[in-house]
Each structure stands twice: as C-alpha cells, then as structure tokens.
C-alpha cells in the first residue's frame, strides 16, 4: 500500500505497528517494529479494547529487539528529514518501488515486498513466520551496482535474486554503492535532544570508488526555513578526499552539529 501511495504522491505512509486489532505474539511484534522503523509513518497504535502491547510488556529478549529497531529509526531521523525536504522540492517519492530506480529490469515490476528509501537504502521486511532465510532482489547488475549490508558493511554485487540467511534480530537492509547516508548514533531520550548531536557519515563506494549524499537541517519547529534559515548541503567522496558544499548558498542556519566519524 505504501509503495502505491508514495508513487501516487503521498509519501507519508505507514502501518499501525502491531496491528489495530488482536494481539501480536513476540515474533510478529518484533518483525513489525523492524519493518515499521523503515516506513515514513512509524507509530504503535491499536484499538482501545485490544490487549495492551507496549514493548515493555513483552519478555526481556523481545524488548531488546524492539529497542534495537527503534534506535535504528532514530539514527536515521536526519536522513528521513532530508528525504522529505527533497520530496517537497522535486516530488520524487520517499518510499520508492525498485522499478523507479531500475526501470530496465523487468523483474522489479512485480516486487512489492521490498522497496527503496530515496535512491540510497533498500529494505526487505521479513513478512514470513519462523523463516531462517528470505529471497532478496538486488537490482543494478547491468550498471555494476554494489549493495552494502548496513551492519557489516559487506559489499554484494547486484545479481538479481539471492537467498539470504536471516535471524530474528534484524531484517535485510542494504545501502546502495555510490551513496552517503548521514546518521546520528548517540542514544537520547527524545529526538529534540539530538538536534546538536554529531553526524556519522556512512560512505558506500560505487565501482569507481566514489559516493555522494545530501543533508538538510533546520530548527525542526518553525517556518523560518521559508526565510532561508536552513542548511542544504552535499557530500562528495573521491579517492583523494571527501568534500562538502552548500547547495543553496543563500540559506544559512547556525547548527552546532559536526561530522564526528566517517565509515
């Protein structure tokens, strides 16, 4: 549904994590949080008469897995914010079907159980119960695209369908080679406390050893961005150096965030 809505122009889409009715057991609840963390609209929500299912009401192991999914979401908040700013400028979906970025690959036309966030991250939620492996489609063979596991940073060359071993602790998420994704990895009690935290830049090189990314920053609260009180910049990695420049040189915002780490 969210892929279709985003393609039609409505990118702010997600599900009620845990479902609106009934009670999800630990595995389903874990998988739902892992999937929801990579959807634009991410919230736990249910009918008032359903059994309570706050994360802390599950066993300790499930709580830990849900906590990990939520932390992954928070680490990418500035990435999401940048995607939505760019969506407001160019209209391209935040959540994209694979065929939007790889229109020559007919195999992507019917894939609806995985998707892209912008042109940078590929998400394959685990939707099957009790599985130890899933099929993942890695597009871009003709162009020599590389895909990097976001945890191990291991690069896999695009070659269509692969069988991937999975555990209950994570879902397949890959970063596209040639991209740079900004992350904020310090754990805070609220997103407002992350405003001035430093960035980690995750650089995924393409076959030419280059990469590009963007970041958008404003105060997150007011309409001051309409008066050019924001930062919209780009990162470029070449074998000799990584550089940063302002895309809109007329805009300015006094952020205290800095780049702490490049991986």
C-alpha atoms as a PDB file:
ATOM      1  CA  UNK A   1       0.000   0.000   0.000  1.00  0.00           C
ATOM      2  CA  UNK A   2       2.702   2.496   0.988  1.00  0.00           C
ATOM      3  CA  UNK A   3       4.636   1.907  -2.231  1.00  0.00           C
ATOM      4  CA  UNK A   4       1.488   2.597  -4.273  1.00  0.00           C
ATOM      5  CA  UNK A   5       0.560   5.672  -2.248  1.00  0.00           C
ATOM      6  CA  UNK A   6       4.077   7.087  -2.481  1.00  0.00           C
ATOM      7  CA  UNK A   7       4.119   6.550  -6.233  1.00  0.00           C
ATOM      8  CA  UNK A   8       0.803   8.416  -6.397  1.00  0.00           C
ATOM      9  CA  UNK A   9       2.279  11.347  -4.475  1.00  0.00           C
ATOM     10  CA  UNK A  10       1.532  10.510  -0.818  1.00  0.00           C
ATOM     11  CA  UNK A  11       4.851   9.600   0.786  1.00  0.00           C
ATOM     12  CA  UNK A  12       3.834   9.936   4.443  1.00  0.00           C
ATOM     13  CA  UNK A  13       2.532   6.404   4.889  1.00  0.00           C
ATOM     14  CA  UNK A  14       2.935   3.599   7.399  1.00  0.00           C
ATOM     15  CA  UNK A  15       1.058   0.952   9.340  1.00  0.00           C
ATOM     16  CA  UNK A  16      -0.181   0.667  12.910  1.00  0.00           C
ATOM     17  CA  UNK A  17       2.745  -1.272  14.359  1.00  0.00           C
ATOM     18  CA  UNK A  18       1.317  -4.389  15.962  1.00  0.00           C
ATOM     19  CA  UNK A  19      -1.964  -4.056  14.081  1.00  0.00           C
ATOM     20  CA  UNK A  20      -5.118  -2.207  15.083  1.00  0.00           C
ATOM     21  CA  UNK A  21      -6.880  -5.335  16.378  1.00  0.00           C
ATOM     22  CA  UNK A  22      -5.901  -8.580  18.117  1.00  0.00           C
ATOM     23  CA  UNK A  23      -2.638  -9.314  19.929  1.00  0.00           C
ATOM     24  CA  UNK A  24       0.659  -9.929  18.115  1.00  0.00           C
ATOM     25  CA  UNK A  25       2.922 -12.557  19.606  1.00  0.00           C
ATOM     26  CA  UNK A  26       6.587 -11.749  20.195  1.00  0.00           C
ATOM     27  CA  UNK A  27       7.901 -12.735  16.758  1.00  0.00           C
ATOM     28  CA  UNK A  28       5.246 -10.819  14.835  1.00  0.00           C
ATOM     29  CA  UNK A  29       5.633  -7.764  17.062  1.00  0.00           C
ATOM     30  CA  UNK A  30       9.403  -7.807  16.582  1.00  0.00           C
ATOM     31  CA  UNK A  31       9.127  -8.105  12.811  1.00  0.00           C
ATOM     32  CA  UNK A  32       6.502  -5.353  12.739  1.00  0.00           C
ATOM     33  CA  UNK A  33       8.757  -2.902  14.577  1.00  0.00           C
ATOM     34  CA  UNK A  34      11.677  -3.833  12.343  1.00  0.00           C
ATOM     35  CA  UNK A  35       9.561  -3.104   9.268  1.00  0.00           C
ATOM     36  CA  UNK A  36       7.878  -0.007  10.688  1.00  0.00           C
ATOM     37  CA  UNK A  37      11.216   1.588  11.533  1.00  0.00           C
ATOM     38  CA  UNK A  38      11.812   1.924   7.787  1.00  0.00           C
ATOM     39  CA  UNK A  39       8.382   3.323   6.927  1.00  0.00           C
ATOM     40  CA  UNK A  40       7.743   7.051   6.725  1.00  0.00           C
ATOM     41  CA  UNK A  41       4.919   6.995   9.290  1.00  0.00           C
ATOM     42  CA  UNK A  42       6.113   4.961  12.275  1.00  0.00           C
ATOM     43  CA  UNK A  43       3.890   4.512  15.306  1.00  0.00           C
ATOM     44  CA  UNK A  44       2.485   1.794  17.555  1.00  0.00           C
ATOM     45  CA  UNK A  45      -1.294   2.087  17.655  1.00  0.00           C
ATOM     46  CA  UNK A  46      -4.322  -0.099  18.350  1.00  0.00           C
ATOM     47  CA  UNK A  47      -7.998  -0.147  19.224  1.00  0.00           C
ATOM     48  CA  UNK A  48      -8.840   0.864  22.788  1.00  0.00           C
ATOM     49  CA  UNK A  49     -10.310  -2.573  23.510  1.00  0.00           C
ATOM     50  CA  UNK A  50      -7.320  -4.606  22.340  1.00  0.00           C
ATOM     51  CA  UNK A  51      -4.965  -6.202  24.832  1.00  0.00           C
ATOM     52  CA  UNK A  52      -2.150  -3.862  25.842  1.00  0.00           C
ATOM     53  CA  UNK A  53       1.023  -4.444  23.824  1.00  0.00           C
ATOM     54  CA  UNK A  54       3.536  -1.769  24.807  1.00  0.00           C
ATOM     55  CA  UNK A  55       7.079  -3.044  24.132  1.00  0.00           C
ATOM     56  CA  UNK A  56       7.940  -3.209  27.837  1.00  0.00           C
ATOM     57  CA  UNK A  57       5.114  -5.694  28.438  1.00  0.00           C
ATOM     58  CA  UNK A  58       6.926  -8.363  26.411  1.00  0.00           C
ATOM     59  CA  UNK A  59       9.794 -10.546  27.619  1.00  0.00           C
ATOM     60  CA  UNK A  60      13.273  -9.048  28.019  1.00  0.00           C
ATOM     61  CA  UNK A  61      14.623 -10.524  24.781  1.00  0.00           C
ATOM     62  CA  UNK A  62      11.753  -9.113  22.726  1.00  0.00           C
ATOM     63  CA  UNK A  63      12.123  -5.731  24.421  1.00  0.00           C
ATOM     64  CA  UNK A  64      15.787  -5.672  23.415  1.00  0.00           C
ATOM     65  CA  UNK A  65      14.950  -6.463  19.786  1.00  0.00           C
ATOM     66  CA  UNK A  66      12.252  -3.802  19.629  1.00  0.00           C
ATOM     67  CA  UNK A  67      14.609  -1.290  21.257  1.00  0.00           C
ATOM     68  CA  UNK A  68      17.176  -2.009  18.552  1.00  0.00           C
ATOM     69  CA  UNK A  69      14.593  -1.373  15.815  1.00  0.00           C
ATOM     70  CA  UNK A  70      13.576   1.944  17.390  1.00  0.00           C
ATOM     71  CA  UNK A  71      17.200   3.036  17.757  1.00  0.00           C
ATOM     72  CA  UNK A  72      17.795   2.298  14.096  1.00  0.00           C
ATOM     73  CA  UNK A  73      14.907   4.613  13.301  1.00  0.00           C
ATOM     74  CA  UNK A  74      16.218   7.429  15.476  1.00  0.00           C
ATOM     75  CA  UNK A  75      19.711   7.167  13.982  1.00  0.00           C
ATOM     76  CA  UNK A  76      18.221   7.928  10.557  1.00  0.00           C
ATOM     77  CA  UNK A  77      15.912  10.810  11.511  1.00  0.00           C
ATOM     78  CA  UNK A  78      18.047  13.394   9.701  1.00  0.00           C
ATOM     79  CA  UNK A  79      18.181  11.102   6.673  1.00  0.00           C
ATOM     80  CA  UNK A  80      14.360  10.942   6.692  1.00  0.00           C
ATOM     81  CA  UNK A  81      14.151  14.710   7.150  1.00  0.00           C
ATOM     82  CA  UNK A  82      16.419  15.235   4.155  1.00  0.00           C
ATOM     83  CA  UNK A  83      14.371  12.830   2.025  1.00  0.00           C
ATOM     84  CA  UNK A  84      11.171  14.704   2.805  1.00  0.00           C
ATOM     85  CA  UNK A  85      12.760  18.081   2.102  1.00  0.00           C
ATOM     86  CA  UNK A  86      13.907  16.811  -1.286  1.00  0.00           C
ATOM     87  CA  UNK A  87      10.450  15.330  -1.854  1.00  0.00           C
ATOM     88  CA  UNK A  88       8.980  18.807  -1.286  1.00  0.00           C
ATOM     89  CA  UNK A  89      11.311  20.162  -3.983  1.00  0.00           C
ATOM     90  CA  UNK A  90      11.300  17.519  -6.712  1.00  0.00           C
ATOM     91  CA  UNK A  91       8.178  15.471  -5.895  1.00  0.00           C
ATOM     92  CA  UNK A  92      10.016  12.148  -6.078  1.00  0.00           C
ATOM     93  CA  UNK A  93       8.640   9.543  -3.661  1.00  0.00           C
ATOM     94  CA  UNK A  94      10.382   8.985  -0.359  1.00  0.00           C
ATOM     95  CA  UNK A  95       9.426   5.306  -0.497  1.00  0.00           C
ATOM     96  CA  UNK A  96      10.146   4.011  -3.989  1.00  0.00           C
ATOM     97  CA  UNK A  97       9.424   0.809  -5.876  1.00  0.00           C
ATOM     98  CA  UNK A  98      12.560  -0.807  -7.241  1.00  0.00           C
ATOM     99  CA  UNK A  99      11.496  -0.172 -10.819  1.00  0.00           C
ATOM    100  CA  UNK A 100      11.641   3.591 -10.306  1.00  0.00           C
ATOM    101  CA  UNK A 101      15.422   3.475  -9.946  1.00  0.00           C
ATOM    102  CA  UNK A 102      15.919   0.443 -12.198  1.00  0.00           C
ATOM    103  CA  UNK A 103      13.254   0.757 -14.924  1.00  0.00           C
ATOM    104  CA  UNK A 104      15.029  -1.559 -17.374  1.00  0.00           C
ATOM    105  CA  UNK A 105      14.837  -4.565 -15.054  1.00  0.00           C
ATOM    106  CA  UNK A 106      11.510  -6.264 -15.686  1.00  0.00           C
ATOM    107  CA  UNK A 107      11.920  -8.450 -12.613  1.00  0.00           C
ATOM    108  CA  UNK A 108      11.389  -5.351 -10.452  1.00  0.00           C
ATOM    109  CA  UNK A 109       7.962  -4.591 -11.916  1.00  0.00           C
ATOM    110  CA  UNK A 110       6.091  -7.035  -9.677  1.00  0.00           C
ATOM    111  CA  UNK A 111       8.194  -6.844  -6.495  1.00  0.00           C
ATOM    112  CA  UNK A 112       6.075  -5.410  -3.691  1.00  0.00           C
ATOM    113  CA  UNK A 113       7.739  -6.885  -0.597  1.00  0.00           C
ATOM    114  CA  UNK A 114      10.841  -4.706  -0.747  1.00  0.00           C
ATOM    115  CA  UNK A 115      11.431  -1.061  -1.582  1.00  0.00           C
ATOM    116  CA  UNK A 116      13.895   1.811  -1.611  1.00  0.00           C
ATOM    117  CA  UNK A 117      14.163   4.835   0.655  1.00  0.00           C
ATOM    118  CA  UNK A 118      15.106   7.582  -1.749  1.00  0.00           C
ATOM    119  CA  UNK A 119      17.803   6.211  -4.015  1.00  0.00           C
ATOM    120  CA  UNK A 120      20.007   5.054  -1.142  1.00  0.00           C
ATOM    121  CA  UNK A 121      18.586   2.290   1.081  1.00  0.00           C
ATOM    122  CA  UNK A 122      16.964  -0.993   0.066  1.00  0.00           C
ATOM    123  CA  UNK A 123      14.579  -2.537   2.604  1.00  0.00           C
ATOM    124  CA  UNK A 124      13.282  -6.104   2.623  1.00  0.00           C
ATOM    125  CA  UNK A 125      10.997  -6.623   5.654  1.00  0.00           C
ATOM    126  CA  UNK A 126      10.678 -10.196   6.894  1.00  0.00           C
ATOM    127  CA  UNK A 127       6.989 -10.961   6.453  1.00  0.00           C
ATOM    128  CA  UNK A 128       7.095 -14.731   6.832  1.00  0.00           C
ATOM    129  CA  UNK A 129       6.752 -16.554  10.162  1.00  0.00           C
ATOM    130  CA  UNK A 130       9.593 -18.658  11.514  1.00  0.00           C
ATOM    131  CA  UNK A 131      11.847 -18.352   8.468  1.00  0.00           C
ATOM    132  CA  UNK A 132      15.631 -18.677   8.513  1.00  0.00           C
ATOM    133  CA  UNK A 133      16.170 -17.309   5.005  1.00  0.00           C
ATOM    134  CA  UNK A 134      14.424 -14.980   2.562  1.00  0.00           C
ATOM    135  CA  UNK A 135      14.766 -14.079  -1.102  1.00  0.00           C
ATOM    136  CA  UNK A 136      16.091 -10.582  -1.775  1.00  0.00           C
ATOM    137  CA  UNK A 137      16.354  -8.912  -5.162  1.00  0.00           C
ATOM    138  CA  UNK A 138      19.449  -6.736  -5.612  1.00  0.00           C
ATOM    139  CA  UNK A 139      18.939  -4.620  -8.749  1.00  0.00           C
ATOM    140  CA  UNK A 140      21.547  -2.941 -10.913  1.00  0.00           C
ATOM    141  CA  UNK A 141      23.564  -5.813 -12.377  1.00  0.00           C
ATOM    142  CA  UNK A 142      23.900  -4.102 -15.753  1.00  0.00           C
ATOM    143  CA  UNK A 143      25.292  -0.928 -14.179  1.00  0.00           C
ATOM    144  CA  UNK A 144      27.585  -2.794 -11.774  1.00  0.00           C
ATOM    145  CA  UNK A 145      25.737  -1.596  -8.677  1.00  0.00           C
ATOM    146  CA  UNK A 146      27.110  -2.606  -5.290  1.00  0.00           C
ATOM    147  CA  UNK A 147      24.910  -3.092  -2.215  1.00  0.00           C
ATOM    148  CA  UNK A 148      26.328  -2.850   1.312  1.00  0.00           C
ATOM    149  CA  UNK A 149      24.828  -4.564   4.350  1.00  0.00           C
ATOM    150  CA  UNK A 150      24.180  -1.682   6.769  1.00  0.00           C
ATOM    151  CA  UNK A 151      25.544  -3.630   9.743  1.00  0.00           C
ATOM    152  CA  UNK A 152      28.564  -5.493   8.408  1.00  0.00           C
ATOM    153  CA  UNK A 153      29.348  -3.055   5.539  1.00  0.00           C
ATOM    154  CA  UNK A 154      29.959  -6.148   3.420  1.00  0.00           C
ATOM    155  CA  UNK A 155      29.523  -5.338  -0.275  1.00  0.00           C
ATOM    156  CA  UNK A 156      27.479  -7.562  -2.573  1.00  0.00           C
ATOM    157  CA  UNK A 157      27.456  -7.074  -6.334  1.00  0.00           C
ATOM    158  CA  UNK A 158      23.968  -6.763  -7.807  1.00  0.00           C
ATOM    159  CA  UNK A 159      22.973 -10.041  -9.400  1.00  0.00           C
ATOM    160  CA  UNK A 160      19.197 -10.236  -9.123  1.00  0.00           C
ATOM    161  CA  UNK A 161      17.711 -12.731  -6.679  1.00  0.00           C
ATOM    162  CA  UNK A 162      19.751 -14.047  -3.766  1.00  0.00           C
ATOM    163  CA  UNK A 163      18.845 -16.276  -0.826  1.00  0.00           C
ATOM    164  CA  UNK A 164      19.804 -14.548   2.391  1.00  0.00           C
ATOM    165  CA  UNK A 165      20.013 -16.114   5.837  1.00  0.00           C
ATOM    166  CA  UNK A 166      18.089 -14.133   8.461  1.00  0.00           C
ATOM    167  CA  UNK A 167      17.655 -14.249  12.210  1.00  0.00           C
ATOM    168  CA  UNK A 168      15.016 -12.670  14.417  1.00  0.00           C
ATOM    169  CA  UNK A 169      17.430  -9.858  15.314  1.00  0.00           C
ATOM    170  CA  UNK A 170      17.296  -7.943  12.009  1.00  0.00           C
ATOM    171  CA  UNK A 171      15.837  -7.600   8.536  1.00  0.00           C
ATOM    172  CA  UNK A 172      17.803  -7.211   5.286  1.00  0.00           C
ATOM    173  CA  UNK A 173      18.736  -3.558   4.733  1.00  0.00           C
ATOM    174  CA  UNK A 174      21.304  -2.515   2.138  1.00  0.00           C
ATOM    175  CA  UNK A 175      22.901   0.801   1.246  1.00  0.00           C
ATOM    176  CA  UNK A 176      23.453   1.445  -2.421  1.00  0.00           C
ATOM    177  CA  UNK A 177      27.017   1.855  -3.610  1.00  0.00           C
ATOM    178  CA  UNK A 178      27.779   5.441  -4.595  1.00  0.00           C
ATOM    179  CA  UNK A 179      25.788   6.985  -1.740  1.00  0.00           C
ATOM    180  CA  UNK A 180      26.493   8.703   1.574  1.00  0.00           C
ATOM    181  CA  UNK A 181      23.951   8.429   4.392  1.00  0.00           C
ATOM    182  CA  UNK A 182      24.126  10.740   7.443  1.00  0.00           C
ATOM    183  CA  UNK A 183      23.364   9.125  10.787  1.00  0.00           C
ATOM    184  CA  UNK A 184      23.189  10.314  14.398  1.00  0.00           C
ATOM    185  CA  UNK A 185      24.158   7.411  16.612  1.00  0.00           C
ATOM    186  CA  UNK A 186      24.120   8.801  20.147  1.00  0.00           C
ATOM    187  CA  UNK A 187      21.214   7.358  22.129  1.00  0.00           C
ATOM    188  CA  UNK A 188      18.932  10.043  23.561  1.00  0.00           C
ATOM    189  CA  UNK A 189      15.618  10.065  25.411  1.00  0.00           C
ATOM    190  CA  UNK A 190      13.950  12.214  22.749  1.00  0.00           C
ATOM    191  CA  UNK A 191      14.668  13.388  19.218  1.00  0.00           C
ATOM    192  CA  UNK A 192      14.735  17.017  20.404  1.00  0.00           C
ATOM    193  CA  UNK A 193      17.861  16.193  22.408  1.00  0.00           C
ATOM    194  CA  UNK A 194      19.594  15.008  19.225  1.00  0.00           C
ATOM    195  CA  UNK A 195      19.435  18.389  17.470  1.00  0.00           C
ATOM    196  CA  UNK A 196      23.093  19.276  18.025  1.00  0.00           C
ATOM    197  CA  UNK A 197      24.495  15.750  18.073  1.00  0.00           C
ATOM    198  CA  UNK A 198      27.337  14.898  15.670  1.00  0.00           C
ATOM    199  CA  UNK A 199      26.953  13.022  12.417  1.00  0.00           C
ATOM    200  CA  UNK A 200      28.381   9.731  11.316  1.00  0.00           C
ATOM    201  CA  UNK A 201      28.696   9.623   7.534  1.00  0.00           C
ATOM    202  CA  UNK A 202      28.287   6.132   6.108  1.00  0.00           C
ATOM    203  CA  UNK A 203      30.105   6.132   2.771  1.00  0.00           C
ATOM    204  CA  UNK A 204      29.205   3.276   0.427  1.00  0.00           C
ATOM    205  CA  UNK A 205      31.526   3.366  -2.571  1.00  0.00           C
ATOM    206  CA  UNK A 206      30.476   2.504  -6.093  1.00  0.00           C
ATOM    207  CA  UNK A 207      32.632   0.579  -8.561  1.00  0.00           C
ATOM    208  CA  UNK A 208      34.550   3.805  -9.301  1.00  0.00           C
ATOM    209  CA  UNK A 209      35.281   4.388  -5.596  1.00  0.00           C
ATOM    210  CA  UNK A 210      33.060   7.484  -5.445  1.00  0.00           C
ATOM    211  CA  UNK A 211      29.978   8.397  -3.406  1.00  0.00           C
ATOM    212  CA  UNK A 212      27.531  11.282  -2.983  1.00  0.00           C
ATOM    213  CA  UNK A 213      24.973  12.290  -0.373  1.00  0.00           C
ATOM    214  CA  UNK A 214      22.992  15.230   0.961  1.00  0.00           C
ATOM    215  CA  UNK A 215      21.784  16.588   4.283  1.00  0.00           C
ATOM    216  CA  UNK A 216      19.105  19.117   5.199  1.00  0.00           C
ATOM    217  CA  UNK A 217      18.996  20.886   8.580  1.00  0.00           C
ATOM    218  CA  UNK A 218      16.647  23.483  10.057  1.00  0.00           C
ATOM    219  CA  UNK A 219      15.205  24.157  13.517  1.00  0.00           C
ATOM    220  CA  UNK A 220      12.595  21.417  13.078  1.00  0.00           C
ATOM    221  CA  UNK A 221       9.868  23.542  14.649  1.00  0.00           C
ATOM    222  CA  UNK A 222       9.108  26.810  12.869  1.00  0.00           C
ATOM    223  CA  UNK A 223       8.530  28.133   9.361  1.00  0.00           C
ATOM    224  CA  UNK A 224      11.827  30.030   9.430  1.00  0.00           C
ATOM    225  CA  UNK A 225      13.114  27.786   6.651  1.00  0.00           C
ATOM    226  CA  UNK A 226      10.910  29.830   4.318  1.00  0.00           C
ATOM    227  CA  UNK A 227      13.238  32.737   5.092  1.00  0.00           C
ATOM    228  CA  UNK A 228      16.300  30.701   4.073  1.00  0.00           C
ATOM    229  CA  UNK A 229      17.126  29.706   7.646  1.00  0.00           C
ATOM    230  CA  UNK A 230      18.303  26.211   6.860  1.00  0.00           C
ATOM    231  CA  UNK A 231      21.243  24.243   5.532  1.00  0.00           C
ATOM    232  CA  UNK A 232      21.073  22.062   2.455  1.00  0.00           C
ATOM    233  CA  UNK A 233      24.432  20.629   1.567  1.00  0.00           C
ATOM    234  CA  UNK A 234      26.093  17.796  -0.299  1.00  0.00           C
ATOM    235  CA  UNK A 235      28.939  15.431   0.475  1.00  0.00           C
ATOM    236  CA  UNK A 236      31.141  14.041  -2.273  1.00  0.00           C
ATOM    237  CA  UNK A 237      33.724  11.328  -1.863  1.00  0.00           C
ATOM    238  CA  UNK A 238      36.567  10.888  -4.325  1.00  0.00           C
ATOM    239  CA  UNK A 239      39.611   8.670  -3.746  1.00  0.00           C
ATOM    240  CA  UNK A 240      41.668  11.741  -2.849  1.00  0.00           C
ATOM    241  CA  UNK A 241      39.252  13.465  -0.450  1.00  0.00           C
ATOM    242  CA  UNK A 242      35.730  13.935   0.857  1.00  0.00           C
ATOM    243  CA  UNK A 243      34.276  17.411   0.316  1.00  0.00           C
ATOM    244  CA  UNK A 244      31.208  19.324   1.459  1.00  0.00           C
ATOM    245  CA  UNK A 245      29.437  22.246  -0.176  1.00  0.00           C
ATOM    246  CA  UNK A 246      26.234  24.237   0.239  1.00  0.00           C
ATOM    247  CA  UNK A 247      23.626  23.523  -2.414  1.00  0.00           C
ATOM    248  CA  UNK A 248      21.745  26.731  -1.618  1.00  0.00           C
ATOM    249  CA  UNK A 249      24.402  29.298  -0.747  1.00  0.00           C
ATOM    250  CA  UNK A 250      21.762  31.887   0.166  1.00  0.00           C
ATOM    251  CA  UNK A 251      20.487  29.734   3.032  1.00  0.00           C
ATOM    252  CA  UNK A 252      22.099  29.609   6.453  1.00  0.00           C
ATOM    253  CA  UNK A 253      21.389  28.022   9.820  1.00  0.00           C
ATOM    254  CA  UNK A 254      23.636  28.068  12.930  1.00  0.00           C
ATOM    255  CA  UNK A 255      23.758  24.347  13.698  1.00  0.00           C
ATOM    256  CA  UNK A 256      26.203  23.028  16.273  1.00  0.00           C
ATOM    257  CA  UNK A 257      26.265  19.553  14.749  1.00  0.00           C
ATOM    258  CA  UNK A 258      29.523  18.362  13.234  1.00  0.00           C
ATOM    259  CA  UNK A 259      30.897  15.311  11.454  1.00  0.00           C
ATOM    260  CA  UNK A 260      32.345  13.079  14.135  1.00  0.00           C
ATOM    261  CA  UNK A 261      33.022   9.923  12.181  1.00  0.00           C
ATOM    262  CA  UNK A 262      33.218   8.622   8.615  1.00  0.00           C
ATOM    263  CA  UNK A 263      32.795   4.908   7.958  1.00  0.00           C
END
